[in-house]
Protein backbone atom coordinates (compact mmCIF):
# COMPACT_ATOMS: atom_id res chain seq x y z
CA MET A 1 38.37 95.17 204.44
CA THR A 2 40.66 92.78 206.25
CA ARG A 3 44.00 91.58 204.94
CA GLU A 4 42.51 88.16 204.31
CA GLU A 5 39.68 89.66 202.26
CA ALA A 6 42.14 91.73 200.23
CA VAL A 7 44.21 88.63 199.48
CA ALA A 8 41.06 86.75 198.43
CA VAL A 9 40.08 89.55 196.04
CA LEU A 10 43.54 89.66 194.50
CA LYS A 11 43.56 85.88 194.06
CA ALA A 12 40.19 86.09 192.34
CA PHE A 13 41.58 88.73 189.96
CA MET A 14 44.42 86.37 189.10
CA GLU A 15 41.88 83.80 187.87
CA ASN A 16 40.13 86.34 185.63
CA PRO A 17 41.11 85.73 181.98
CA LEU A 18 40.98 89.48 181.27
CA PHE A 19 44.19 89.94 183.23
CA GLY A 20 47.51 89.00 181.68
CA ASP A 21 50.79 87.78 183.14
CA THR A 22 51.91 91.32 184.01
CA HIS A 23 48.76 91.88 186.05
CA LYS A 24 49.13 88.50 187.74
CA ALA A 25 52.71 89.33 188.70
CA ALA A 26 51.50 92.61 190.22
CA PHE A 27 48.77 90.78 192.15
CA ASN A 28 51.34 88.29 193.47
CA ILE A 29 53.54 91.15 194.65
CA ALA A 30 50.58 92.80 196.38
CA ILE A 31 49.62 89.52 198.08
CA HIS A 32 53.20 89.01 199.23
CA ASP A 33 53.42 92.55 200.61
CA ILE A 34 50.09 92.25 202.44
CA LYS A 35 51.25 89.05 204.12
CA ALA A 36 54.70 90.48 204.88
CA TYR A 37 53.21 93.63 206.42
CA HIS A 38 51.07 91.49 208.67
CA LYS A 39 54.12 89.52 209.83
CA TRP A 40 56.18 92.65 210.46
CA ASN A 41 53.45 94.63 212.18
CA LEU A 42 55.31 96.66 214.80
CA ASN A 43 52.91 95.84 217.59
CA GLU A 44 53.31 92.11 217.07
CA LEU A 45 57.05 92.15 216.42
CA VAL A 46 58.54 94.51 218.96
CA LEU A 47 56.46 94.48 222.08
CA THR A 48 56.85 90.84 223.10
CA GLN A 49 60.07 88.89 223.35
CA LYS A 50 60.67 85.85 221.16
CA ASP A 51 60.48 83.44 224.06
CA ASN A 52 57.05 84.87 224.97
CA GLU A 53 58.13 86.19 228.35
CA GLN A 54 55.57 88.41 229.98
CA GLU A 55 57.81 91.49 230.30
CA PRO A 56 57.49 93.61 227.15
CA ILE A 57 60.67 94.64 225.38
CA LEU A 58 59.73 98.32 225.58
CA ASP A 59 59.88 98.11 229.38
CA LYS A 60 63.38 96.66 229.25
CA LEU A 61 64.50 99.27 226.71
CA ARG A 62 63.03 102.06 228.81
CA ALA A 63 64.76 100.84 231.98
CA GLU A 64 68.14 100.63 230.27
CA ILE A 65 67.79 104.05 228.62
CA LEU A 66 66.62 105.57 231.92
CA GLU A 67 69.73 104.23 233.64
CA GLU A 68 71.95 105.73 230.93
CA HIS A 69 70.01 109.00 231.17
CA GLU A 70 70.63 109.20 234.91
CA ASN A 71 74.34 108.44 234.39
CA ALA A 72 74.64 111.16 231.72
CA TYR A 73 72.83 113.62 233.97
CA ALA A 74 75.19 112.80 236.86
CA ARG A 75 78.20 113.39 234.53
CA GLU A 76 76.59 116.68 233.51
CA ASP A 77 76.60 115.45 229.90
CA ASN A 78 73.57 117.53 228.99
CA ASP A 79 73.53 116.68 225.28
CA THR A 80 73.44 112.94 225.95
CA ALA A 81 70.94 113.37 228.78
CA TYR A 82 68.67 115.40 226.51
CA GLY A 83 68.88 112.83 223.70
CA LEU A 84 68.07 110.01 226.07
CA SER A 85 65.13 111.94 227.54
CA VAL A 86 63.74 112.30 224.01
CA ALA A 87 64.16 108.55 223.51
CA LEU A 88 62.26 107.92 226.76
CA GLU A 89 59.43 110.17 225.58
CA ILE A 90 59.19 108.26 222.30
CA ILE A 91 59.07 104.91 224.09
CA ASP A 92 56.40 106.21 226.46
CA LYS A 93 54.35 107.44 223.48
CA TYR A 94 54.42 104.06 221.73
CA LYS A 95 53.82 102.17 224.94
CA ALA A 96 50.73 104.29 225.67
CA GLU A 97 49.44 103.74 222.11
CA THR A 98 49.97 99.99 222.45
CA GLU A 99 48.21 99.85 225.79
CA GLU A 100 45.25 101.75 224.33
CA THR A 101 45.12 99.33 221.39
CA ASP A 102 45.37 96.29 223.67
CA GLY A 103 42.80 97.68 226.06
CA THR A 104 45.31 97.63 228.89
CA ASN A 105 45.66 101.38 229.28
CA LYS A 106 46.41 101.97 232.95
CA GLN A 107 45.49 105.32 234.43
CA ALA A 108 48.09 106.77 236.81
């Protein structure tokens, strides 16, 4: 079932006389949350900049974190370097998942 279909079903329930005001309020909340989830979907929100530039935000984040990682490694700040390497791994994981979803998975 798509989000649109779920919203249509909930709206139809709201018109059913067997449901009272409490049920209708619950249906309205569910409709609101379905629409809000769609708007805040991580893949749509985070991976492209607001001005629709072509360079994904994850690439910019990764580059900046990588630079900080290299600086921490050069300072022999192992705790910071380790934390930043974990952050890089997380970004790489989500980037790979997004590329698979978008059909743009590039084999190395």
